[in-house]
């Protein structure tokens, strides 16, 4: 029997960004359902952005830095929206 060499394909850029946006959506919905949602959401966003930057530096892929920027921009706008609902 021949052994097939399985080559690991790198994860696509769109998949990485999509997963990060999905994670952002999940904890934004959770923080919106709780009291003090804007503060909780801001904490999650900071941790998420820092995590993306650390992973980007570790694996040396710019898509993680791009993902951090996307999470930061979308997360900032959702924080502003959550703040507007609480006033």
Protein backbone atom coordinates (compact mmCIF):
# COMPACT_ATOMS: atom_id res chain seq x y z
CA UNK A 1 0.00 0.00 0.00
CA UNK A 2 1.17 3.45 -0.80
CA UNK A 3 1.19 6.06 1.87
CA UNK A 4 -0.21 9.33 0.71
CA UNK A 5 1.56 12.43 1.89
CA UNK A 6 -1.10 14.68 3.20
CA UNK A 7 -0.11 18.26 2.76
CA UNK A 8 -1.68 20.63 5.24
CA UNK A 9 -3.29 23.49 3.42
CA UNK A 10 -3.02 26.85 5.16
CA UNK A 11 -6.25 28.32 6.43
CA UNK A 12 -7.63 30.82 3.94
CA UNK A 13 -7.63 34.51 4.74
CA UNK A 14 -11.39 34.84 4.37
CA UNK A 15 -11.94 31.99 6.80
CA UNK A 16 -9.79 33.66 9.48
CA UNK A 17 -11.58 36.99 9.12
CA UNK A 18 -15.00 35.29 9.00
CA UNK A 19 -14.37 33.30 12.17
CA UNK A 20 -13.23 36.44 13.98
CA UNK A 21 -16.33 38.37 12.89
CA UNK A 22 -18.47 35.44 14.05
CA UNK A 23 -16.78 35.44 17.45
CA UNK A 24 -17.32 39.21 17.65
CA UNK A 25 -21.02 38.75 16.86
CA UNK A 26 -21.45 36.09 19.56
CA UNK A 27 -19.97 38.08 22.43
CA UNK A 28 -21.64 41.29 21.26
CA UNK A 29 -25.04 39.58 21.43
CA UNK A 30 -24.20 38.19 24.87
CA UNK A 31 -23.08 41.58 26.17
CA UNK A 32 -26.14 43.27 24.68
CA UNK A 33 -28.38 40.91 26.66
CA UNK A 34 -26.69 41.77 29.97
CA UNK A 35 -26.71 44.96 31.99
CA UNK A 36 -23.57 47.06 31.53
CA UNK A 37 -23.20 45.62 28.05
CA UNK A 38 -21.03 48.37 26.61
CA UNK A 39 -18.28 47.89 29.20
CA UNK A 40 -18.34 44.11 28.82
CA UNK A 41 -18.31 44.42 25.03
CA UNK A 42 -15.40 46.87 25.13
CA UNK A 43 -13.41 44.49 27.34
CA UNK A 44 -14.05 41.60 24.98
CA UNK A 45 -13.07 43.71 21.98
CA UNK A 46 -9.78 44.79 23.55
CA UNK A 47 -8.92 41.18 24.42
CA UNK A 48 -9.94 40.00 20.95
CA UNK A 49 -7.88 42.65 19.14
CA UNK A 50 -4.83 42.00 21.32
CA UNK A 51 -5.22 38.26 20.75
CA UNK A 52 -5.34 38.73 16.99
CA UNK A 53 -2.24 40.93 17.08
CA UNK A 54 -0.31 38.40 19.19
CA UNK A 55 -1.30 35.53 16.91
CA UNK A 56 -0.38 37.65 13.88
CA UNK A 57 3.07 38.31 15.31
CA UNK A 58 3.55 34.65 16.24
CA UNK A 59 2.56 33.15 12.88
CA UNK A 60 3.70 36.15 10.81
CA UNK A 61 0.56 36.45 8.74
CA UNK A 62 -0.84 39.90 7.96
CA UNK A 63 -4.36 38.55 7.78
CA UNK A 64 -4.42 38.44 11.60
CA UNK A 65 -3.52 42.14 11.76
CA UNK A 66 -6.23 42.87 9.19
CA UNK A 67 -8.64 40.80 11.24
CA UNK A 68 -7.72 42.80 14.36
CA UNK A 69 -8.48 46.04 12.49
CA UNK A 70 -11.82 44.70 11.23
CA UNK A 71 -12.79 43.57 14.74
CA UNK A 72 -11.72 46.96 16.13
CA UNK A 73 -13.74 48.94 13.58
CA UNK A 74 -16.87 46.80 13.81
CA UNK A 75 -16.53 46.49 17.58
CA UNK A 76 -16.14 50.24 18.06
CA UNK A 77 -19.30 50.89 16.07
CA UNK A 78 -21.25 48.31 18.08
CA UNK A 79 -20.01 49.86 21.32
CA UNK A 80 -21.24 53.25 20.15
CA UNK A 81 -24.59 51.66 19.25
CA UNK A 82 -24.83 49.98 22.67
CA UNK A 83 -23.99 53.29 24.34
CA UNK A 84 -26.74 55.01 22.35
CA UNK A 85 -29.29 52.45 23.54
CA UNK A 86 -28.41 52.92 27.20
CA UNK A 87 -28.77 56.71 27.23
